[in-house]
């Protein structure tokens, strides 16, 4: 259950990052509320996962999902560069997260 919670924490982190971009563009109060919702639930799920998983592993996977997911969202939703080099490094981050799961 801790690993599922950690994945949800990473997905909420991605949502929070997307809301930062949305808030930057439209400056509406509901974007700010959604930003707080995303990061708030991200921390709640992360805290739950860290009751079982080692802090270093949980944090590394959480940030990996958030960082790579944020980059992928930027490419798919906001027209950021889809250069093959970016994709290679995103794949490296995700493979490191999978590697941590395998050894934990």
PDB file of N, CA and C in Angstrom:
ATOM      1  N   UNK A   1       0.806  -1.193   0.000  1.00  0.00           N
ATOM      2  CA  UNK A   1       0.000   0.000   0.000  1.00  0.00           C
ATOM      3  C   UNK A   1       0.857   1.268   0.000  1.00  0.00           C
ATOM      4  N   UNK A   2       2.042   1.180   0.611  1.00  0.00           N
ATOM      5  CA  UNK A   2       2.928   2.344   0.670  1.00  0.00           C
ATOM      6  C   UNK A   2       3.392   2.751  -0.722  1.00  0.00           C
ATOM      7  N   UNK A   3       3.659   1.768  -1.583  1.00  0.00           N
ATOM      8  CA  UNK A   3       4.106   2.092  -2.934  1.00  0.00           C
ATOM      9  C   UNK A   3       2.992   2.749  -3.742  1.00  0.00           C
ATOM     10  N   UNK A   4       1.774   2.301  -3.559  1.00  0.00           N
ATOM     11  CA  UNK A   4       0.642   2.932  -4.252  1.00  0.00           C
ATOM     12  C   UNK A   4       0.468   4.363  -3.759  1.00  0.00           C
ATOM     13  N   UNK A   5       0.588   4.552  -2.452  1.00  0.00           N
ATOM     14  CA  UNK A   5       0.507   5.889  -1.883  1.00  0.00           C
ATOM     15  C   UNK A   5       1.607   6.790  -2.437  1.00  0.00           C
ATOM     16  N   UNK A   6       2.789   6.235  -2.604  1.00  0.00           N
ATOM     17  CA  UNK A   6       3.908   7.011  -3.145  1.00  0.00           C
ATOM     18  C   UNK A   6       3.661   7.405  -4.602  1.00  0.00           C
ATOM     19  N   UNK A   7       3.082   6.516  -5.369  1.00  0.00           N
ATOM     20  CA  UNK A   7       2.740   6.847  -6.760  1.00  0.00           C
ATOM     21  C   UNK A   7       1.691   7.950  -6.793  1.00  0.00           C
ATOM     22  N   UNK A   8       0.667   7.857  -5.932  1.00  0.00           N
ATOM     23  CA  UNK A   8      -0.333   8.928  -5.853  1.00  0.00           C
ATOM     24  C   UNK A   8       0.302  10.247  -5.426  1.00  0.00           C
ATOM     25  N   UNK A   9       1.266  10.178  -4.514  1.00  0.00           N
ATOM     26  CA  UNK A   9       1.966  11.393  -4.095  1.00  0.00           C
ATOM     27  C   UNK A   9       2.679  12.032  -5.280  1.00  0.00           C
ATOM     28  N   UNK A  10       3.327  11.211  -6.104  1.00  0.00           N
ATOM     29  CA  UNK A  10       4.005  11.732  -7.289  1.00  0.00           C
ATOM     30  C   UNK A  10       3.033  12.319  -8.301  1.00  0.00           C
ATOM     31  N   UNK A  11       1.891  11.674  -8.469  1.00  0.00           N
ATOM     32  CA  UNK A  11       0.879  12.192  -9.402  1.00  0.00           C
ATOM     33  C   UNK A  11       0.294  13.514  -8.904  1.00  0.00           C
ATOM     34  N   UNK A  12       0.085  13.614  -7.602  1.00  0.00           N
ATOM     35  CA  UNK A  12      -0.394  14.884  -7.041  1.00  0.00           C
ATOM     36  C   UNK A  12       0.660  15.972  -7.187  1.00  0.00           C
ATOM     37  N   UNK A  13       1.911  15.596  -7.066  1.00  0.00           N
ATOM     38  CA  UNK A  13       3.011  16.538  -7.280  1.00  0.00           C
ATOM     39  C   UNK A  13       2.997  17.059  -8.714  1.00  0.00           C
ATOM     40  N   UNK A  14       2.784  16.157  -9.666  1.00  0.00           N
ATOM     41  CA  UNK A  14       2.675  16.576 -11.075  1.00  0.00           C
ATOM     42  C   UNK A  14       1.517  17.544 -11.253  1.00  0.00           C
ATOM     43  N   UNK A  15       0.385  17.253 -10.647  1.00  0.00           N
ATOM     44  CA  UNK A  15      -0.782  18.127 -10.730  1.00  0.00           C
ATOM     45  C   UNK A  15      -0.468  19.504 -10.139  1.00  0.00           C
ATOM     46  N   UNK A  16       0.208  19.518  -9.001  1.00  0.00           N
ATOM     47  CA  UNK A  16       0.590  20.789  -8.381  1.00  0.00           C
ATOM     48  C   UNK A  16       1.496  21.617  -9.273  1.00  0.00           C
ATOM     49  N   UNK A  17       2.443  20.965  -9.914  1.00  0.00           N
ATOM     50  CA  UNK A  17       3.344  21.669 -10.839  1.00  0.00           C
ATOM     51  C   UNK A  17       2.567  22.241 -12.019  1.00  0.00           C
ATOM     52  N   UNK A  18       1.625  21.464 -12.548  1.00  0.00           N
ATOM     53  CA  UNK A  18       0.793  21.966 -13.649  1.00  0.00           C
ATOM     54  C   UNK A  18      -0.021  23.174 -13.199  1.00  0.00           C
ATOM     55  N   UNK A  19      -0.470  23.166 -11.962  1.00  0.00           N
ATOM     56  CA  UNK A  19      -1.253  24.295 -11.456  1.00  0.00           C
ATOM     57  C   UNK A  19      -0.384  25.530 -11.223  1.00  0.00           C
ATOM     58  N   UNK A  20       0.903  25.340 -10.929  1.00  0.00           N
ATOM     59  CA  UNK A  20       1.809  26.485 -10.852  1.00  0.00           C
ATOM     60  C   UNK A  20       1.844  27.191 -12.204  1.00  0.00           C
ATOM     61  N   UNK A  21       1.968  26.407 -13.260  1.00  0.00           N
ATOM     62  CA  UNK A  21       1.993  26.981 -14.608  1.00  0.00           C
ATOM     63  C   UNK A  21       0.663  27.657 -14.935  1.00  0.00           C
ATOM     64  N   UNK A  22      -0.438  27.016 -14.577  1.00  0.00           N
ATOM     65  CA  UNK A  22      -1.762  27.598 -14.830  1.00  0.00           C
ATOM     66  C   UNK A  22      -1.930  28.905 -14.058  1.00  0.00           C
ATOM     67  N   UNK A  23      -1.516  28.934 -12.800  1.00  0.00           N
ATOM     68  CA  UNK A  23      -1.610  30.138 -11.984  1.00  0.00           C
ATOM     69  C   UNK A  23      -0.754  31.254 -12.570  1.00  0.00           C
ATOM     70  N   UNK A  24       0.399  30.887 -13.076  1.00  0.00           N
ATOM     71  CA  UNK A  24       1.290  31.875 -13.694  1.00  0.00           C
ATOM     72  C   UNK A  24       0.624  32.543 -14.900  1.00  0.00           C
ATOM     73  N   UNK A  25      -0.189  31.799 -15.633  1.00  0.00           N
ATOM     74  CA  UNK A  25      -0.809  32.330 -16.844  1.00  0.00           C
ATOM     75  C   UNK A  25      -2.142  33.038 -16.607  1.00  0.00           C
ATOM     76  N   UNK A  26      -2.967  32.569 -15.655  1.00  0.00           N
ATOM     77  CA  UNK A  26      -4.292  33.181 -15.549  1.00  0.00           C
ATOM     78  C   UNK A  26      -4.572  33.909 -14.233  1.00  0.00           C
ATOM     79  N   UNK A  27      -3.792  33.692 -13.204  1.00  0.00           N
ATOM     80  CA  UNK A  27      -3.922  34.404 -11.933  1.00  0.00           C
ATOM     81  C   UNK A  27      -5.342  34.389 -11.348  1.00  0.00           C
ATOM     82  N   UNK A  28      -5.993  33.245 -11.422  1.00  0.00           N
ATOM     83  CA  UNK A  28      -7.332  33.120 -10.855  1.00  0.00           C
ATOM     84  C   UNK A  28      -7.256  32.365  -9.530  1.00  0.00           C
ATOM     85  N   UNK A  29      -8.186  32.647  -8.635  1.00  0.00           N
ATOM     86  CA  UNK A  29      -8.146  32.065  -7.298  1.00  0.00           C
ATOM     87  C   UNK A  29      -8.324  30.557  -7.330  1.00  0.00           C
ATOM     88  N   UNK A  30      -9.112  30.034  -8.278  1.00  0.00           N
ATOM     89  CA  UNK A  30      -9.331  28.585  -8.289  1.00  0.00           C
ATOM     90  C   UNK A  30      -8.063  27.843  -8.714  1.00  0.00           C
ATOM     91  N   UNK A  31      -7.203  28.476  -9.506  1.00  0.00           N
ATOM     92  CA  UNK A  31      -5.913  27.854  -9.838  1.00  0.00           C
ATOM     93  C   UNK A  31      -5.048  27.722  -8.589  1.00  0.00           C
ATOM     94  N   UNK A  32      -5.108  28.740  -7.732  1.00  0.00           N
ATOM     95  CA  UNK A  32      -4.343  28.702  -6.487  1.00  0.00           C
ATOM     96  C   UNK A  32      -4.875  27.622  -5.550  1.00  0.00           C
ATOM     97  N   UNK A  33      -6.197  27.497  -5.467  1.00  0.00           N
ATOM     98  CA  UNK A  33      -6.803  26.464  -4.625  1.00  0.00           C
ATOM     99  C   UNK A  33      -6.409  25.073  -5.129  1.00  0.00           C
ATOM    100  N   UNK A  34      -6.435  24.883  -6.444  1.00  0.00           N
ATOM    101  CA  UNK A  34      -6.038  23.593  -7.013  1.00  0.00           C
ATOM    102  C   UNK A  34      -4.556  23.302  -6.767  1.00  0.00           C
ATOM    103  N   UNK A  35      -3.735  24.348  -6.808  1.00  0.00           N
ATOM    104  CA  UNK A  35      -2.309  24.191  -6.509  1.00  0.00           C
ATOM    105  C   UNK A  35      -2.137  23.691  -5.072  1.00  0.00           C
ATOM    106  N   UNK A  36      -2.822  24.331  -4.136  1.00  0.00           N
ATOM    107  CA  UNK A  36      -2.746  23.897  -2.736  1.00  0.00           C
ATOM    108  C   UNK A  36      -3.270  22.476  -2.558  1.00  0.00           C
ATOM    109  N   UNK A  37      -4.349  22.161  -3.242  1.00  0.00           N
ATOM    110  CA  UNK A  37      -4.925  20.815  -3.202  1.00  0.00           C
ATOM    111  C   UNK A  37      -3.896  19.788  -3.684  1.00  0.00           C
ATOM    112  N   UNK A  38      -3.261  20.052  -4.825  1.00  0.00           N
ATOM    113  CA  UNK A  38      -2.289  19.114  -5.397  1.00  0.00           C
ATOM    114  C   UNK A  38      -1.103  18.871  -4.486  1.00  0.00           C
ATOM    115  N   UNK A  39      -0.480  19.955  -4.023  1.00  0.00           N
ATOM    116  CA  UNK A  39       0.692  19.785  -3.168  1.00  0.00           C
ATOM    117  C   UNK A  39       0.319  19.267  -1.782  1.00  0.00           C
ATOM    118  N   UNK A  40      -0.842  19.683  -1.266  1.00  0.00           N
ATOM    119  CA  UNK A  40      -1.278  19.197   0.036  1.00  0.00           C
ATOM    120  C   UNK A  40      -1.468  17.688   0.041  1.00  0.00           C
ATOM    121  N   UNK A  41      -2.198  17.185  -0.949  1.00  0.00           N
ATOM    122  CA  UNK A  41      -2.393  15.737  -1.019  1.00  0.00           C
ATOM    123  C   UNK A  41      -1.091  15.011  -1.336  1.00  0.00           C
ATOM    124  N   UNK A  42      -0.214  15.654  -2.083  1.00  0.00           N
ATOM    125  CA  UNK A  42       1.082  15.054  -2.366  1.00  0.00           C
ATOM    126  C   UNK A  42       1.847  14.804  -1.073  1.00  0.00           C
ATOM    127  N   UNK A  43       1.874  15.796  -0.181  1.00  0.00           N
ATOM    128  CA  UNK A  43       2.577  15.638   1.088  1.00  0.00           C
ATOM    129  C   UNK A  43       1.892  14.618   1.993  1.00  0.00           C
ATOM    130  N   UNK A  44       0.564  14.588   1.963  1.00  0.00           N
ATOM    131  CA  UNK A  44      -0.156  13.608   2.791  1.00  0.00           C
ATOM    132  C   UNK A  44       0.174  12.181   2.346  1.00  0.00           C
ATOM    133  N   UNK A  45       0.107  11.931   1.032  1.00  0.00           N
ATOM    134  CA  UNK A  45       0.430  10.589   0.527  1.00  0.00           C
ATOM    135  C   UNK A  45       1.897  10.244   0.755  1.00  0.00           C
ATOM    136  N   UNK A  46       2.786  11.225   0.599  1.00  0.00           N
ATOM    137  CA  UNK A  46       4.208  10.975   0.852  1.00  0.00           C
ATOM    138  C   UNK A  46       4.437  10.615   2.320  1.00  0.00           C
ATOM    139  N   UNK A  47       3.819  11.357   3.220  1.00  0.00           N
ATOM    140  CA  UNK A  47       3.984  11.070   4.652  1.00  0.00           C
ATOM    141  C   UNK A  47       3.485   9.665   4.991  1.00  0.00           C
ATOM    142  N   UNK A  48       2.375   9.277   4.395  1.00  0.00           N
ATOM    143  CA  UNK A  48       1.857   7.930   4.634  1.00  0.00           C
ATOM    144  C   UNK A  48       2.843   6.876   4.115  1.00  0.00           C
ATOM    145  N   UNK A  49       3.379   7.084   2.924  1.00  0.00           N
ATOM    146  CA  UNK A  49       4.324   6.123   2.352  1.00  0.00           C
ATOM    147  C   UNK A  49       5.586   6.022   3.193  1.00  0.00           C
ATOM    148  N   UNK A  50       6.012   7.148   3.781  1.00  0.00           N
ATOM    149  CA  UNK A  50       7.245   7.149   4.565  1.00  0.00           C
ATOM    150  C   UNK A  50       7.093   6.471   5.918  1.00  0.00           C
ATOM    151  N   UNK A  51       5.885   6.103   6.297  1.00  0.00           N
ATOM    152  CA  UNK A  51       5.717   5.311   7.519  1.00  0.00           C
ATOM    153  C   UNK A  51       6.258   3.900   7.322  1.00  0.00           C
ATOM    154  N   UNK A  52       6.313   3.456   6.062  1.00  0.00           N
ATOM    155  CA  UNK A  52       6.780   2.108   5.750  1.00  0.00           C
ATOM    156  C   UNK A  52       8.108   2.122   5.004  1.00  0.00           C
ATOM    157  N   UNK A  53       8.220   2.988   4.026  1.00  0.00           N
ATOM    158  CA  UNK A  53       9.403   3.023   3.159  1.00  0.00           C
ATOM    159  C   UNK A  53      10.498   3.895   3.753  1.00  0.00           C
ATOM    160  N   UNK A  54      11.765   3.579   3.438  1.00  0.00           N
ATOM    161  CA  UNK A  54      12.859   4.434   3.896  1.00  0.00           C
ATOM    162  C   UNK A  54      12.725   5.841   3.292  1.00  0.00           C
ATOM    163  N   UNK A  55      13.078   6.840   4.091  1.00  0.00           N
ATOM    164  CA  UNK A  55      12.940   8.221   3.666  1.00  0.00           C
ATOM    165  C   UNK A  55      13.663   8.498   2.346  1.00  0.00           C
ATOM    166  N   UNK A  56      14.890   8.062   2.212  1.00  0.00           N
ATOM    167  CA  UNK A  56      15.663   8.335   1.007  1.00  0.00           C
ATOM    168  C   UNK A  56      15.029   7.748  -0.240  1.00  0.00           C
ATOM    169  N   UNK A  57      14.548   6.533  -0.149  1.00  0.00           N
ATOM    170  CA  UNK A  57      13.897   5.882  -1.283  1.00  0.00           C
ATOM    171  C   UNK A  57      12.596   6.590  -1.636  1.00  0.00           C
ATOM    172  N   UNK A  58      11.771   6.854  -0.618  1.00  0.00           N
ATOM    173  CA  UNK A  58      10.478   7.498  -0.868  1.00  0.00           C
ATOM    174  C   UNK A  58      10.668   8.882  -1.483  1.00  0.00           C
ATOM    175  N   UNK A  59      11.578   9.655  -0.931  1.00  0.00           N
ATOM    176  CA  UNK A  59      11.794  11.009  -1.435  1.00  0.00           C
ATOM    177  C   UNK A  59      12.340  10.988  -2.858  1.00  0.00           C
ATOM    178  N   UNK A  60      13.279  10.097  -3.134  1.00  0.00           N
ATOM    179  CA  UNK A  60      13.860  10.026  -4.478  1.00  0.00           C
ATOM    180  C   UNK A  60      12.804   9.643  -5.515  1.00  0.00           C
ATOM    181  N   UNK A  61      11.968   8.699  -5.183  1.00  0.00           N
ATOM    182  CA  UNK A  61      10.932   8.283  -6.135  1.00  0.00           C
ATOM    183  C   UNK A  61       9.878   9.370  -6.293  1.00  0.00           C
ATOM    184  N   UNK A  62       9.492  10.003  -5.204  1.00  0.00           N
ATOM    185  CA  UNK A  62       8.520  11.095  -5.249  1.00  0.00           C
ATOM    186  C   UNK A  62       9.010  12.243  -6.134  1.00  0.00           C
ATOM    187  N   UNK A  63      10.253  12.661  -5.921  1.00  0.00           N
ATOM    188  CA  UNK A  63      10.783  13.745  -6.742  1.00  0.00           C
ATOM    189  C   UNK A  63      10.992  13.292  -8.182  1.00  0.00           C
ATOM    190  N   UNK A  64      11.359  12.036  -8.400  1.00  0.00           N
ATOM    191  CA  UNK A  64      11.526  11.527  -9.759  1.00  0.00           C
ATOM    192  C   UNK A  64      10.221  11.538 -10.541  1.00  0.00           C
ATOM    193  N   UNK A  65       9.152  11.083  -9.893  1.00  0.00           N
ATOM    194  CA  UNK A  65       7.843  11.107 -10.553  1.00  0.00           C
ATOM    195  C   UNK A  65       7.427  12.548 -10.818  1.00  0.00           C
ATOM    196  N   UNK A  66       7.600  13.416  -9.840  1.00  0.00           N
ATOM    197  CA  UNK A  66       7.209  14.816 -10.008  1.00  0.00           C
ATOM    198  C   UNK A  66       8.008  15.529 -11.078  1.00  0.00           C
ATOM    199  N   UNK A  67       9.332  15.323 -11.080  1.00  0.00           N
ATOM    200  CA  UNK A  67      10.180  16.016 -12.050  1.00  0.00           C
ATOM    201  C   UNK A  67       9.966  15.495 -13.468  1.00  0.00           C
ATOM    202  N   UNK A  68       9.984  14.187 -13.629  1.00  0.00           N
ATOM    203  CA  UNK A  68       9.801  13.640 -14.981  1.00  0.00           C
ATOM    204  C   UNK A  68       8.368  13.849 -15.450  1.00  0.00           C
ATOM    205  N   UNK A  69       7.411  13.705 -14.551  1.00  0.00           N
ATOM    206  CA  UNK A  69       6.014  13.945 -14.918  1.00  0.00           C
ATOM    207  C   UNK A  69       5.771  15.388 -15.287  1.00  0.00           C
ATOM    208  N   UNK A  70       6.386  16.305 -14.553  1.00  0.00           N
ATOM    209  CA  UNK A  70       6.262  17.724 -14.887  1.00  0.00           C
ATOM    210  C   UNK A  70       6.850  18.031 -16.251  1.00  0.00           C
ATOM    211  N   UNK A  71       7.977  17.424 -16.556  1.00  0.00           N
ATOM    212  CA  UNK A  71       8.590  17.626 -17.875  1.00  0.00           C
ATOM    213  C   UNK A  71       7.704  17.056 -18.983  1.00  0.00           C
ATOM    214  N   UNK A  72       7.130  15.894 -18.746  1.00  0.00           N
ATOM    215  CA  UNK A  72       6.243  15.278 -19.750  1.00  0.00           C
ATOM    216  C   UNK A  72       4.975  16.113 -19.935  1.00  0.00           C
ATOM    217  N   UNK A  73       4.418  16.606 -18.827  1.00  0.00           N
ATOM    218  CA  UNK A  73       3.251  17.491 -18.940  1.00  0.00           C
ATOM    219  C   UNK A  73       3.596  18.748 -19.729  1.00  0.00           C
ATOM    220  N   UNK A  74       4.766  19.297 -19.479  1.00  0.00           N
ATOM    221  CA  UNK A  74       5.193  20.480 -20.220  1.00  0.00           C
ATOM    222  C   UNK A  74       5.302  20.219 -21.710  1.00  0.00           C
ATOM    223  N   UNK A  75       5.786  19.042 -22.058  1.00  0.00           N
ATOM    224  CA  UNK A  75       5.906  18.695 -23.474  1.00  0.00           C
ATOM    225  C   UNK A  75       4.550  18.454 -24.119  1.00  0.00           C
ATOM    226  N   UNK A  76       3.662  17.787 -23.394  1.00  0.00           N
ATOM    227  CA  UNK A  76       2.379  17.414 -24.004  1.00  0.00           C
ATOM    228  C   UNK A  76       1.345  18.534 -23.947  1.00  0.00           C
ATOM    229  N   UNK A  77       1.330  19.313 -22.867  1.00  0.00           N
ATOM    230  CA  UNK A  77       0.293  20.323 -22.709  1.00  0.00           C
ATOM    231  C   UNK A  77       0.729  21.740 -23.066  1.00  0.00           C
ATOM    232  N   UNK A  78       2.013  22.043 -22.917  1.00  0.00           N
ATOM    233  CA  UNK A  78       2.459  23.425 -23.047  1.00  0.00           C
ATOM    234  C   UNK A  78       3.467  23.654 -24.166  1.00  0.00           C
ATOM    235  N   UNK A  79       3.630  22.681 -25.023  1.00  0.00           N
ATOM    236  CA  UNK A  79       4.467  22.859 -26.207  1.00  0.00           C
ATOM    237  C   UNK A  79       5.955  22.981 -25.947  1.00  0.00           C
ATOM    238  N   UNK A  80       6.436  22.448 -24.835  1.00  0.00           N
ATOM    239  CA  UNK A  80       7.877  22.483 -24.581  1.00  0.00           C
ATOM    240  C   UNK A  80       8.596  21.511 -25.511  1.00  0.00           C
ATOM    241  N   UNK A  81       9.883  21.708 -25.634  1.00  0.00           N
ATOM    242  CA  UNK A  81      10.695  20.912 -26.547  1.00  0.00           C
ATOM    243  C   UNK A  81      10.579  19.415 -26.264  1.00  0.00           C
ATOM    244  N   UNK A  82      10.467  18.638 -27.342  1.00  0.00           N
ATOM    245  CA  UNK A  82      10.425  17.168 -27.229  1.00  0.00           C
ATOM    246  C   UNK A  82      11.728  16.569 -27.781  1.00  0.00           C
ATOM    247  N   UNK A  83      12.805  17.261 -27.591  1.00  0.00           N
ATOM    248  CA  UNK A  83      14.105  16.812 -28.072  1.00  0.00           C
ATOM    249  C   UNK A  83      14.432  15.429 -27.508  1.00  0.00           C
ATOM    250  N   UNK A  84      15.056  14.597 -28.315  1.00  0.00           N
ATOM    251  CA  UNK A  84      15.343  13.223 -27.901  1.00  0.00           C
ATOM    252  C   UNK A  84      16.235  13.184 -26.668  1.00  0.00           C
ATOM    253  N   UNK A  85      17.092  14.191 -26.500  1.00  0.00           N
ATOM    254  CA  UNK A  85      17.973  14.210 -25.330  1.00  0.00           C
ATOM    255  C   UNK A  85      17.164  14.372 -24.038  1.00  0.00           C
ATOM    256  N   UNK A  86      16.146  15.211 -24.075  1.00  0.00           N
ATOM    257  CA  UNK A  86      15.270  15.377 -22.912  1.00  0.00           C
ATOM    258  C   UNK A  86      14.585  14.053 -22.582  1.00  0.00           C
ATOM    259  N   UNK A  87      14.116  13.370 -23.606  1.00  0.00           N
ATOM    260  CA  UNK A  87      13.434  12.089 -23.394  1.00  0.00           C
ATOM    261  C   UNK A  87      14.372  11.047 -22.806  1.00  0.00           C
ATOM    262  N   UNK A  88      15.629  11.047 -23.234  1.00  0.00           N
ATOM    263  CA  UNK A  88      16.610  10.101 -22.691  1.00  0.00           C
ATOM    264  C   UNK A  88      16.824  10.352 -21.202  1.00  0.00           C
ATOM    265  N   UNK A  89      16.958  11.616 -20.828  1.00  0.00           N
ATOM    266  CA  UNK A  89      17.202  11.908 -19.415  1.00  0.00           C
ATOM    267  C   UNK A  89      15.967  11.674 -18.554  1.00  0.00           C
ATOM    268  N   UNK A  90      14.787  11.910 -19.094  1.00  0.00           N
ATOM    269  CA  UNK A  90      13.565  11.564 -18.366  1.00  0.00           C
ATOM    270  C   UNK A  90      13.508  10.050 -18.156  1.00  0.00           C
ATOM    271  N   UNK A  91      13.852   9.293 -19.184  1.00  0.00           N
ATOM    272  CA  UNK A  91      13.882   7.836 -19.063  1.00  0.00           C
ATOM    273  C   UNK A  91      14.899   7.400 -18.008  1.00  0.00           C
ATOM    274  N   UNK A  92      16.020   8.096 -17.916  1.00  0.00           N
ATOM    275  CA  UNK A  92      17.020   7.763 -16.906  1.00  0.00           C
ATOM    276  C   UNK A  92      16.483   8.000 -15.493  1.00  0.00           C
ATOM    277  N   UNK A  93      15.769   9.098 -15.296  1.00  0.00           N
ATOM    278  CA  UNK A  93      15.181   9.388 -13.984  1.00  0.00           C
ATOM    279  C   UNK A  93      14.174   8.300 -13.615  1.00  0.00           C
ATOM    280  N   UNK A  94      13.311   7.961 -14.566  1.00  0.00           N
ATOM    281  CA  UNK A  94      12.307   6.934 -14.297  1.00  0.00           C
ATOM    282  C   UNK A  94      12.937   5.566 -14.059  1.00  0.00           C
ATOM    283  N   UNK A  95      13.985   5.239 -14.797  1.00  0.00           N
ATOM    284  CA  UNK A  95      14.638   3.946 -14.576  1.00  0.00           C
ATOM    285  C   UNK A  95      15.337   3.907 -13.229  1.00  0.00           C
ATOM    286  N   UNK A  96      15.857   5.042 -12.767  1.00  0.00           N
ATOM    287  CA  UNK A  96      16.456   5.092 -11.432  1.00  0.00           C
ATOM    288  C   UNK A  96      15.382   4.861 -10.363  1.00  0.00           C
ATOM    289  N   UNK A  97      14.201   5.409 -10.571  1.00  0.00           N
ATOM    290  CA  UNK A  97      13.106   5.203  -9.618  1.00  0.00           C
ATOM    291  C   UNK A  97      12.700   3.732  -9.575  1.00  0.00           C
ATOM    292  N   UNK A  98      12.621   3.109 -10.730  1.00  0.00           N
ATOM    293  CA  UNK A  98      12.299   1.689 -10.801  1.00  0.00           C
ATOM    294  C   UNK A  98      13.399   0.869 -10.127  1.00  0.00           C
ATOM    295  N   UNK A  99      14.646   1.261 -10.353  1.00  0.00           N
ATOM    296  CA  UNK A  99      15.766   0.572  -9.707  1.00  0.00           C
ATOM    297  C   UNK A  99      15.692   0.662  -8.193  1.00  0.00           C
ATOM    298  N   UNK A 100      15.322   1.816  -7.678  1.00  0.00           N
ATOM    299  CA  UNK A 100      15.164   1.941  -6.216  1.00  0.00           C
ATOM    300  C   UNK A 100      14.054   1.037  -5.694  1.00  0.00           C
ATOM    301  N   UNK A 101      12.996   0.921  -6.460  1.00  0.00           N
ATOM    302  CA  UNK A 101      11.893   0.035  -6.064  1.00  0.00           C
ATOM    303  C   UNK A 101      12.374  -1.423  -6.018  1.00  0.00           C
ATOM    304  N   UNK A 102      13.190  -1.794  -6.996  1.00  0.00           N
ATOM    305  CA  UNK A 102      13.662  -3.176  -7.070  1.00  0.00           C
ATOM    306  C   UNK A 102      14.590  -3.540  -5.922  1.00  0.00           C
ATOM    307  N   UNK A 103      15.360  -2.582  -5.447  1.00  0.00           N
ATOM    308  CA  UNK A 103      16.328  -2.896  -4.383  1.00  0.00           C
ATOM    309  C   UNK A 103      15.781  -2.605  -2.995  1.00  0.00           C
ATOM    310  N   UNK A 104      14.598  -2.018  -2.894  1.00  0.00           N
ATOM    311  CA  UNK A 104      14.021  -1.703  -1.571  1.00  0.00           C
ATOM    312  C   UNK A 104      13.139  -2.828  -1.075  1.00  0.00           C
TER     313      UNK A 104
END
